[in-house]
PDB file of N, CA and C in Angstrom:
ATOM      1  N   MET A   1      36.588 -20.230 -46.553  1.00  0.00           N
ATOM      2  CA  MET A   1      37.862 -19.545 -46.549  1.00  0.00           C
ATOM      3  C   MET A   1      38.981 -20.581 -46.478  1.00  0.00           C
ATOM      4  N   ALA A   2      40.124 -20.284 -47.019  1.00  0.00           N
ATOM      5  CA  ALA A   2      41.193 -21.258 -47.203  1.00  0.00           C
ATOM      6  C   ALA A   2      42.087 -21.457 -45.991  1.00  0.00           C
ATOM      7  N   ARG A   3      42.071 -20.595 -45.019  1.00  0.00           N
ATOM      8  CA  ARG A   3      43.089 -20.614 -43.973  1.00  0.00           C
ATOM      9  C   ARG A   3      43.124 -21.848 -43.071  1.00  0.00           C
ATOM     10  N   PRO A   4      41.987 -22.402 -42.600  1.00  0.00           N
ATOM     11  CA  PRO A   4      42.096 -23.506 -41.650  1.00  0.00           C
ATOM     12  C   PRO A   4      42.710 -24.741 -42.295  1.00  0.00           C
ATOM     13  N   LEU A   5      43.973 -24.948 -42.083  1.00  0.00           N
ATOM     14  CA  LEU A   5      44.680 -26.066 -42.710  1.00  0.00           C
ATOM     15  C   LEU A   5      45.588 -26.734 -41.693  1.00  0.00           C
ATOM     16  N   ARG A   6      45.163 -26.773 -40.464  1.00  0.00           N
ATOM     17  CA  ARG A   6      45.991 -27.352 -39.406  1.00  0.00           C
ATOM     18  C   ARG A   6      46.222 -28.840 -39.583  1.00  0.00           C
ATOM     19  N   GLN A   7      45.393 -29.529 -40.385  1.00  0.00           N
ATOM     20  CA  GLN A   7      45.598 -30.949 -40.547  1.00  0.00           C
ATOM     21  C   GLN A   7      46.941 -31.251 -41.199  1.00  0.00           C
ATOM     22  N   TYR A   8      47.544 -30.269 -41.817  1.00  0.00           N
ATOM     23  CA  TYR A   8      48.846 -30.478 -42.439  1.00  0.00           C
ATOM     24  C   TYR A   8      49.994 -30.364 -41.440  1.00  0.00           C
ATOM     25  N   GLY A   9      49.679 -29.932 -40.217  1.00  0.00           N
ATOM     26  CA  GLY A   9      50.722 -29.869 -39.192  1.00  0.00           C
ATOM     27  C   GLY A   9      51.868 -28.973 -39.604  1.00  0.00           C
ATOM     28  N   ARG A  10      53.075 -29.472 -39.450  1.00  0.00           N
ATOM     29  CA  ARG A  10      54.260 -28.672 -39.718  1.00  0.00           C
ATOM     30  C   ARG A  10      54.687 -28.786 -41.181  1.00  0.00           C
ATOM     31  N   MET A  11      53.880 -28.208 -42.041  1.00  0.00           N
ATOM     32  CA  MET A  11      54.237 -28.088 -43.454  1.00  0.00           C
ATOM     33  C   MET A  11      54.450 -29.452 -44.115  1.00  0.00           C
ATOM     34  N   ASN A  12      53.562 -30.390 -43.843  1.00  0.00           N
ATOM     35  CA  ASN A  12      53.662 -31.700 -44.466  1.00  0.00           C
ATOM     36  C   ASN A  12      53.010 -31.730 -45.843  1.00  0.00           C
ATOM     37  N   MET A  13      52.733 -30.563 -46.399  1.00  0.00           N
ATOM     38  CA  MET A  13      52.136 -30.483 -47.724  1.00  0.00           C
ATOM     39  C   MET A  13      53.197 -30.774 -48.776  1.00  0.00           C
ATOM     40  N   ASN A  14      52.768 -31.431 -49.857  1.00  0.00           N
ATOM     41  CA  ASN A  14      53.693 -31.510 -50.981  1.00  0.00           C
ATOM     42  C   ASN A  14      53.671 -30.155 -51.688  1.00  0.00           C
ATOM     43  N   ASN A  15      54.558 -29.956 -52.619  1.00  0.00           N
ATOM     44  CA  ASN A  15      54.696 -28.638 -53.248  1.00  0.00           C
ATOM     45  C   ASN A  15      53.432 -28.197 -53.972  1.00  0.00           C
ATOM     46  N   HIS A  16      52.729 -29.115 -54.598  1.00  0.00           N
ATOM     47  CA  HIS A  16      51.517 -28.742 -55.329  1.00  0.00           C
ATOM     48  C   HIS A  16      50.394 -28.341 -54.365  1.00  0.00           C
ATOM     49  N   GLU A  17      50.261 -29.051 -53.250  1.00  0.00           N
ATOM     50  CA  GLU A  17      49.275 -28.670 -52.237  1.00  0.00           C
ATOM     51  C   GLU A  17      49.613 -27.305 -51.644  1.00  0.00           C
ATOM     52  N   LEU A  18      50.881 -27.083 -51.429  1.00  0.00           N
ATOM     53  CA  LEU A  18      51.354 -25.820 -50.863  1.00  0.00           C
ATOM     54  C   LEU A  18      50.967 -24.641 -51.758  1.00  0.00           C
ATOM     55  N   VAL A  19      51.241 -24.756 -53.049  1.00  0.00           N
ATOM     56  CA  VAL A  19      50.931 -23.656 -53.975  1.00  0.00           C
ATOM     57  C   VAL A  19      49.431 -23.494 -54.113  1.00  0.00           C
ATOM     58  N   TRP A  20      48.679 -24.590 -54.137  1.00  0.00           N
ATOM     59  CA  TRP A  20      47.221 -24.494 -54.186  1.00  0.00           C
ATOM     60  C   TRP A  20      46.715 -23.742 -52.956  1.00  0.00           C
ATOM     61  N   TYR A  21      47.223 -24.108 -51.781  1.00  0.00           N
ATOM     62  CA  TYR A  21      46.801 -23.458 -50.546  1.00  0.00           C
ATOM     63  C   TYR A  21      47.141 -21.972 -50.548  1.00  0.00           C
ATOM     64  N   LEU A  22      48.341 -21.631 -50.977  1.00  0.00           N
ATOM     65  CA  LEU A  22      48.757 -20.227 -51.025  1.00  0.00           C
ATOM     66  C   LEU A  22      47.856 -19.424 -51.949  1.00  0.00           C
ATOM     67  N   ARG A  23      47.532 -19.971 -53.097  1.00  0.00           N
ATOM     68  CA  ARG A  23      46.662 -19.258 -54.032  1.00  0.00           C
ATOM     69  C   ARG A  23      45.258 -19.099 -53.463  1.00  0.00           C
ATOM     70  N   ARG A  24      44.748 -20.087 -52.723  1.00  0.00           N
ATOM     71  CA  ARG A  24      43.428 -19.963 -52.091  1.00  0.00           C
ATOM     72  C   ARG A  24      43.454 -18.893 -50.998  1.00  0.00           C
ATOM     73  N   CYS A  25      44.541 -18.826 -50.232  1.00  0.00           N
ATOM     74  CA  CYS A  25      44.655 -17.771 -49.214  1.00  0.00           C
ATOM     75  C   CYS A  25      44.657 -16.394 -49.863  1.00  0.00           C
ATOM     76  N   ASN A  26      45.403 -16.242 -50.941  1.00  0.00           N
ATOM     77  CA  ASN A  26      45.435 -14.961 -51.647  1.00  0.00           C
ATOM     78  C   ASN A  26      44.062 -14.601 -52.187  1.00  0.00           C
ATOM     79  N   GLU A  27      43.360 -15.602 -52.712  1.00  0.00           N
ATOM     80  CA  GLU A  27      42.015 -15.360 -53.237  1.00  0.00           C
ATOM     81  C   GLU A  27      41.079 -14.894 -52.119  1.00  0.00           C
ATOM     82  N   ALA A  28      41.164 -15.536 -50.958  1.00  0.00           N
ATOM     83  CA  ALA A  28      40.335 -15.141 -49.818  1.00  0.00           C
ATOM     84  C   ALA A  28      40.674 -13.719 -49.374  1.00  0.00           C
ATOM     85  N   ASP A  29      41.952 -13.383 -49.335  1.00  0.00           N
ATOM     86  CA  ASP A  29      42.355 -12.026 -48.962  1.00  0.00           C
ATOM     87  C   ASP A  29      41.854 -11.002 -49.977  1.00  0.00           C
ATOM     88  N   ASN A  30      41.928 -11.323 -51.253  1.00  0.00           N
ATOM     89  CA  ASN A  30      41.431 -10.410 -52.286  1.00  0.00           C
ATOM     90  C   ASN A  30      39.933 -10.170 -52.132  1.00  0.00           C
ATOM     91  N   HIS A  31      39.188 -11.219 -51.804  1.00  0.00           N
ATOM     92  CA  HIS A  31      37.745 -11.055 -51.584  1.00  0.00           C
ATOM     93  C   HIS A  31      37.486 -10.164 -50.371  1.00  0.00           C
ATOM     94  N   ALA A  32      38.295 -10.343 -49.336  1.00  0.00           N
ATOM     95  CA  ALA A  32      38.133  -9.501 -48.143  1.00  0.00           C
ATOM     96  C   ALA A  32      38.411  -8.038 -48.477  1.00  0.00           C
ATOM     97  N   TYR A  33      39.466  -7.779 -49.259  1.00  0.00           N
ATOM     98  CA  TYR A  33      39.760  -6.403 -49.652  1.00  0.00           C
ATOM     99  C   TYR A  33      38.660  -5.829 -50.535  1.00  0.00           C
ATOM    100  N   ALA A  34      38.077  -6.659 -51.417  1.00  0.00           N
ATOM    101  CA  ALA A  34      36.976  -6.182 -52.259  1.00  0.00           C
ATOM    102  C   ALA A  34      35.784  -5.789 -51.396  1.00  0.00           C
ATOM    103  N   ASP A  35      35.514  -6.566 -50.364  1.00  0.00           N
ATOM    104  CA  ASP A  35      34.418  -6.249 -49.454  1.00  0.00           C
ATOM    105  C   ASP A  35      34.682  -4.923 -48.735  1.00  0.00           C
ATOM    106  N   ILE A  36      35.902  -4.715 -48.300  1.00  0.00           N
ATOM    107  CA  ILE A  36      36.267  -3.450 -47.642  1.00  0.00           C
ATOM    108  C   ILE A  36      36.092  -2.282 -48.610  1.00  0.00           C
ATOM    109  N   GLY A  37      36.532  -2.466 -49.853  1.00  0.00           N
ATOM    110  CA  GLY A  37      36.391  -1.413 -50.850  1.00  0.00           C
ATOM    111  C   GLY A  37      34.945  -1.054 -51.112  1.00  0.00           C
ATOM    112  N   GLN A  38      34.084  -2.061 -51.142  1.00  0.00           N
ATOM    113  CA  GLN A  38      32.659  -1.806 -51.372  1.00  0.00           C
ATOM    114  C   GLN A  38      32.023  -1.103 -50.178  1.00  0.00           C
ATOM    115  N   ARG A  39      32.432  -1.469 -48.980  1.00  0.00           N
ATOM    116  CA  ARG A  39      31.828  -0.883 -47.778  1.00  0.00           C
ATOM    117  C   ARG A  39      32.324   0.526 -47.485  1.00  0.00           C
ATOM    118  N   PHE A  40      33.615   0.752 -47.659  1.00  0.00           N
ATOM    119  CA  PHE A  40      34.215   2.005 -47.209  1.00  0.00           C
ATOM    120  C   PHE A  40      34.780   2.866 -48.332  1.00  0.00           C
ATOM    121  N   GLY A  41      34.710   2.397 -49.549  1.00  0.00           N
ATOM    122  CA  GLY A  41      35.212   3.161 -50.679  1.00  0.00           C
ATOM    123  C   GLY A  41      36.656   2.819 -51.001  1.00  0.00           C
ATOM    124  N   GLU A  42      37.047   3.161 -52.212  1.00  0.00           N
ATOM    125  CA  GLU A  42      38.385   2.814 -52.685  1.00  0.00           C
ATOM    126  C   GLU A  42      39.501   3.463 -51.877  1.00  0.00           C
ATOM    127  N   ASP A  43      39.245   4.600 -51.268  1.00  0.00           N
ATOM    128  CA  ASP A  43      40.282   5.260 -50.466  1.00  0.00           C
ATOM    129  C   ASP A  43      40.743   4.378 -49.304  1.00  0.00           C
ATOM    130  N   ALA A  44      39.882   3.490 -48.830  1.00  0.00           N
ATOM    131  CA  ALA A  44      40.241   2.598 -47.726  1.00  0.00           C
ATOM    132  C   ALA A  44      41.317   1.601 -48.138  1.00  0.00           C
ATOM    133  N   LEU A  45      41.513   1.428 -49.440  1.00  0.00           N
ATOM    134  CA  LEU A  45      42.480   0.449 -49.943  1.00  0.00           C
ATOM    135  C   LEU A  45      43.789   1.079 -50.391  1.00  0.00           C
ATOM    136  N   MET A  46      43.949   2.377 -50.213  1.00  0.00           N
ATOM    137  CA  MET A  46      45.125   3.066 -50.753  1.00  0.00           C
ATOM    138  C   MET A  46      46.441   2.471 -50.266  1.00  0.00           C
ATOM    139  N   ASP A  47      46.539   2.095 -49.005  1.00  0.00           N
ATOM    140  CA  ASP A  47      47.775   1.542 -48.461  1.00  0.00           C
ATOM    141  C   ASP A  47      47.636   0.050 -48.184  1.00  0.00           C
ATOM    142  N   SER A  48      46.814  -0.631 -48.957  1.00  0.00           N
ATOM    143  CA  SER A  48      46.561  -2.049 -48.715  1.00  0.00           C
ATOM    144  C   SER A  48      47.705  -2.905 -49.259  1.00  0.00           C
ATOM    145  N   HIS A  49      47.583  -4.177 -49.003  1.00  0.00           N
ATOM    146  CA  HIS A  49      48.571  -5.142 -49.472  1.00  0.00           C
ATOM    147  C   HIS A  49      48.150  -5.803 -50.784  1.00  0.00           C
ATOM    148  N   LEU A  50      47.189  -5.227 -51.479  1.00  0.00           N
ATOM    149  CA  LEU A  50      46.736  -5.829 -52.733  1.00  0.00           C
ATOM    150  C   LEU A  50      47.857  -6.023 -53.744  1.00  0.00           C
ATOM    151  N   PRO A  51      48.740  -5.041 -53.954  1.00  0.00           N
ATOM    152  CA  PRO A  51      49.834  -5.282 -54.905  1.00  0.00           C
ATOM    153  C   PRO A  51      50.731  -6.438 -54.470  1.00  0.00           C
ATOM    154  N   LEU A  52      50.969  -6.576 -53.174  1.00  0.00           N
ATOM    155  CA  LEU A  52      51.772  -7.684 -52.675  1.00  0.00           C
ATOM    156  C   LEU A  52      51.077  -9.011 -52.939  1.00  0.00           C
ATOM    157  N   LEU A  53      49.771  -9.073 -52.687  1.00  0.00           N
ATOM    158  CA  LEU A  53      49.030 -10.301 -52.950  1.00  0.00           C
ATOM    159  C   LEU A  53      49.094 -10.681 -54.422  1.00  0.00           C
ATOM    160  N   ASP A  54      48.992  -9.694 -55.295  1.00  0.00           N
ATOM    161  CA  ASP A  54      49.080  -9.959 -56.731  1.00  0.00           C
ATOM    162  C   ASP A  54      50.453 -10.520 -57.107  1.00  0.00           C
ATOM    163  N   LEU A  55      51.502  -9.978 -56.521  1.00  0.00           N
ATOM    164  CA  LEU A  55      52.850 -10.458 -56.834  1.00  0.00           C
ATOM    165  C   LEU A  55      53.092 -11.864 -56.275  1.00  0.00           C
ATOM    166  N   VAL A  56      52.584 -12.138 -55.099  1.00  0.00           N
ATOM    167  CA  VAL A  56      52.722 -13.491 -54.533  1.00  0.00           C
ATOM    168  C   VAL A  56      51.970 -14.485 -55.413  1.00  0.00           C
ATOM    169  N   ASP A  57      50.778 -14.121 -55.861  1.00  0.00           N
ATOM    170  CA  ASP A  57      50.022 -15.013 -56.734  1.00  0.00           C
ATOM    171  C   ASP A  57      50.744 -15.208 -58.064  1.00  0.00           C
ATOM    172  N   LYS A  58      51.393 -14.168 -58.559  1.00  0.00           N
ATOM    173  CA  LYS A  58      52.167 -14.299 -59.789  1.00  0.00           C
ATOM    174  C   LYS A  58      53.306 -15.300 -59.600  1.00  0.00           C
ATOM    175  N   LEU A  59      53.996 -15.227 -58.468  1.00  0.00           N
ATOM    176  CA  LEU A  59      55.067 -16.192 -58.189  1.00  0.00           C
ATOM    177  C   LEU A  59      54.513 -17.618 -58.131  1.00  0.00           C
ATOM    178  N   ALA A  60      53.344 -17.780 -57.510  1.00  0.00           N
ATOM    179  CA  ALA A  60      52.734 -19.106 -57.427  1.00  0.00           C
ATOM    180  C   ALA A  60      52.361 -19.617 -58.816  1.00  0.00           C
ATOM    181  N   ARG A  61      51.812 -18.756 -59.659  1.00  0.00           N
ATOM    182  CA  ARG A  61      51.482 -19.165 -61.035  1.00  0.00           C
ATOM    183  C   ARG A  61      52.740 -19.488 -61.819  1.00  0.00           C
ATOM    184  N   ASP A  62      53.788 -18.680 -61.639  1.00  0.00           N
ATOM    185  CA  ASP A  62      55.066 -18.953 -62.310  1.00  0.00           C
ATOM    186  C   ASP A  62      55.603 -20.319 -61.891  1.00  0.00           C
ATOM    187  N   TRP A  63      55.508 -20.627 -60.602  1.00  0.00           N
ATOM    188  CA  TRP A  63      55.989 -21.917 -60.100  1.00  0.00           C
ATOM    189  C   TRP A  63      55.206 -23.054 -60.742  1.00  0.00           C
ATOM    190  N   GLN A  64      53.887 -22.893 -60.863  1.00  0.00           N
ATOM    191  CA  GLN A  64      53.055 -23.943 -61.450  1.00  0.00           C
ATOM    192  C   GLN A  64      53.452 -24.220 -62.903  1.00  0.00           C
ATOM    193  N   ALA A  65      53.907 -23.209 -63.601  1.00  0.00           N
ATOM    194  CA  ALA A  65      54.282 -23.364 -65.004  1.00  0.00           C
ATOM    195  C   ALA A  65      55.762 -23.720 -65.188  1.00  0.00           C
ATOM    196  N   MET A  66      56.523 -23.671 -64.114  1.00  0.00           N
ATOM    197  CA  MET A  66      57.976 -23.836 -64.190  1.00  0.00           C
ATOM    198  C   MET A  66      58.373 -25.312 -64.278  1.00  0.00           C
ATOM    199  N   ASP A  67      59.380 -25.579 -65.087  1.00  0.00           N
ATOM    200  CA  ASP A  67      59.979 -26.904 -65.178  1.00  0.00           C
ATOM    201  C   ASP A  67      60.806 -27.143 -63.910  1.00  0.00           C
ATOM    202  N   PRO A  68      60.630 -28.284 -63.245  1.00  0.00           N
ATOM    203  CA  PRO A  68      61.416 -28.548 -62.036  1.00  0.00           C
ATOM    204  C   PRO A  68      62.930 -28.514 -62.259  1.00  0.00           C
ATOM    205  N   ASP A  69      63.371 -28.642 -63.498  1.00  0.00           N
ATOM    206  CA  ASP A  69      64.804 -28.559 -63.795  1.00  0.00           C
ATOM    207  C   ASP A  69      65.302 -27.128 -63.909  1.00  0.00           C
ATOM    208  N   ASP A  70      64.384 -26.158 -63.890  1.00  0.00           N
ATOM    209  CA  ASP A  70      64.763 -24.744 -63.944  1.00  0.00           C
ATOM    210  C   ASP A  70      65.606 -24.417 -62.705  1.00  0.00           C
ATOM    211  N   GLU A  71      66.672 -23.684 -62.881  1.00  0.00           N
ATOM    212  CA  GLU A  71      67.579 -23.381 -61.761  1.00  0.00           C
ATOM    213  C   GLU A  71      66.917 -22.543 -60.672  1.00  0.00           C
ATOM    214  N   ARG A  72      65.800 -21.885 -60.974  1.00  0.00           N
ATOM    215  CA  ARG A  72      65.089 -21.063 -59.989  1.00  0.00           C
ATOM    216  C   ARG A  72      64.081 -21.850 -59.163  1.00  0.00           C
ATOM    217  N   TYR A  73      63.787 -23.074 -59.580  1.00  0.00           N
ATOM    218  CA  TYR A  73      62.716 -23.866 -58.987  1.00  0.00           C
ATOM    219  C   TYR A  73      62.901 -24.068 -57.481  1.00  0.00           C
ATOM    220  N   ALA A  74      64.067 -24.496 -57.055  1.00  0.00           N
ATOM    221  CA  ALA A  74      64.294 -24.777 -55.627  1.00  0.00           C
ATOM    222  C   ALA A  74      64.148 -23.513 -54.784  1.00  0.00           C
ATOM    223  N   GLY A  75      64.698 -22.410 -55.249  1.00  0.00           N
ATOM    224  CA  GLY A  75      64.605 -21.155 -54.499  1.00  0.00           C
ATOM    225  C   GLY A  75      63.177 -20.638 -54.420  1.00  0.00           C
ATOM    226  N   LEU A  76      62.454 -20.745 -55.515  1.00  0.00           N
ATOM    227  CA  LEU A  76      61.064 -20.292 -55.512  1.00  0.00           C
ATOM    228  C   LEU A  76      60.207 -21.202 -54.630  1.00  0.00           C
ATOM    229  N   THR A  77      60.464 -22.495 -54.657  1.00  0.00           N
ATOM    230  CA  THR A  77      59.743 -23.426 -53.788  1.00  0.00           C
ATOM    231  C   THR A  77      59.971 -23.061 -52.323  1.00  0.00           C
ATOM    232  N   TYR A  78      61.215 -22.801 -51.975  1.00  0.00           N
ATOM    233  CA  TYR A  78      61.540 -22.406 -50.597  1.00  0.00           C
ATOM    234  C   TYR A  78      60.807 -21.116 -50.217  1.00  0.00           C
ATOM    235  N   SER A  79      60.799 -20.159 -51.109  1.00  0.00           N
ATOM    236  CA  SER A  79      60.124 -18.878 -50.841  1.00  0.00           C
ATOM    237  C   SER A  79      58.626 -19.066 -50.635  1.00  0.00           C
ATOM    238  N   LEU A  80      57.996 -19.872 -51.473  1.00  0.00           N
ATOM    239  CA  LEU A  80      56.566 -20.103 -51.345  1.00  0.00           C
ATOM    240  C   LEU A  80      56.254 -20.858 -50.043  1.00  0.00           C
ATOM    241  N   ARG A  81      57.097 -21.802 -49.653  1.00  0.00           N
ATOM    242  CA  ARG A  81      56.907 -22.500 -48.382  1.00  0.00           C
ATOM    243  C   ARG A  81      56.999 -21.516 -47.210  1.00  0.00           C
ATOM    244  N   THR A  82      57.905 -20.571 -47.297  1.00  0.00           N
ATOM    245  CA  THR A  82      58.058 -19.571 -46.244  1.00  0.00           C
ATOM    246  C   THR A  82      56.807 -18.698 -46.147  1.00  0.00           C
ATOM    247  N   LEU A  83      56.241 -18.322 -47.281  1.00  0.00           N
ATOM    248  CA  LEU A  83      55.000 -17.537 -47.272  1.00  0.00           C
ATOM    249  C   LEU A  83      53.841 -18.322 -46.658  1.00  0.00           C
ATOM    250  N   VAL A  84      53.757 -19.606 -46.945  1.00  0.00           N
ATOM    251  CA  VAL A  84      52.692 -20.421 -46.360  1.00  0.00           C
ATOM    252  C   VAL A  84      52.884 -20.534 -44.846  1.00  0.00           C
ATOM    253  N   GLN A  85      54.122 -20.606 -44.381  1.00  0.00           N
ATOM    254  CA  GLN A  85      54.366 -20.619 -42.938  1.00  0.00           C
ATOM    255  C   GLN A  85      53.741 -19.394 -42.277  1.00  0.00           C
ATOM    256  N   ALA A  86      53.830 -18.256 -42.949  1.00  0.00           N
ATOM    257  CA  ALA A  86      53.235 -17.034 -42.403  1.00  0.00           C
ATOM    258  C   ALA A  86      51.712 -17.176 -42.324  1.00  0.00           C
ATOM    259  N   TYR A  87      51.089 -17.734 -43.347  1.00  0.00           N
ATOM    260  CA  TYR A  87      49.636 -17.915 -43.317  1.00  0.00           C
ATOM    261  C   TYR A  87      49.212 -18.894 -42.237  1.00  0.00           C
ATOM    262  N   LEU A  88      50.033 -19.913 -41.994  1.00  0.00           N
ATOM    263  CA  LEU A  88      49.701 -20.918 -40.983  1.00  0.00           C
ATOM    264  C   LEU A  88      50.178 -20.535 -39.596  1.00  0.00           C
ATOM    265  N   HIS A  89      50.904 -19.427 -39.492  1.00  0.00           N
ATOM    266  CA  HIS A  89      51.450 -18.963 -38.216  1.00  0.00           C
ATOM    267  C   HIS A  89      52.356 -20.012 -37.588  1.00  0.00           C
ATOM    268  N   LEU A  90      53.209 -20.616 -38.406  1.00  0.00           N
ATOM    269  CA  LEU A  90      54.145 -21.615 -37.918  1.00  0.00           C
ATOM    270  C   LEU A  90      55.527 -20.999 -37.737  1.00  0.00           C
ATOM    271  N   PRO A  91      56.288 -21.476 -36.774  1.00  0.00           N
ATOM    272  CA  PRO A  91      57.659 -20.983 -36.626  1.00  0.00           C
ATOM    273  C   PRO A  91      58.514 -21.475 -37.796  1.00  0.00           C
ATOM    274  N   SER A  92      59.591 -20.788 -38.032  1.00  0.00           N
ATOM    275  CA  SER A  92      60.516 -21.137 -39.098  1.00  0.00           C
ATOM    276  C   SER A  92      61.127 -22.508 -38.839  1.00  0.00           C
ATOM    277  N   ASP A  93      61.427 -23.234 -39.907  1.00  0.00           N
ATOM    278  CA  ASP A  93      62.090 -24.540 -39.787  1.00  0.00           C
ATOM    279  C   ASP A  93      63.587 -24.388 -39.572  1.00  0.00           C
ATOM    280  N   ASP A  94      64.098 -23.172 -39.668  1.00  0.00           N
ATOM    281  CA  ASP A  94      65.547 -22.936 -39.545  1.00  0.00           C
ATOM    282  C   ASP A  94      66.041 -23.178 -38.146  1.00  0.00           C
TER     283      ASP A  94
END
């Protein structure tokens, strides 16, 4: 599973490591939801966060394909770093 990443401390990941880590966390969560669906049926997933995970992964893929000169790059990088903070249970840098 992708979550144990404490060796990075307080978000010392570069942007590429950060996006790789976020995508691995999403993949692990998707596998967990698939396991729940198989065990308890699709109704157990009706109010799940699967659509959110798909959208976060889409943002990560968009970032990977984005030119760093794109005006959205800095904002998307900040957003993805904030999402990784949630996975690592770190306090905000603000």
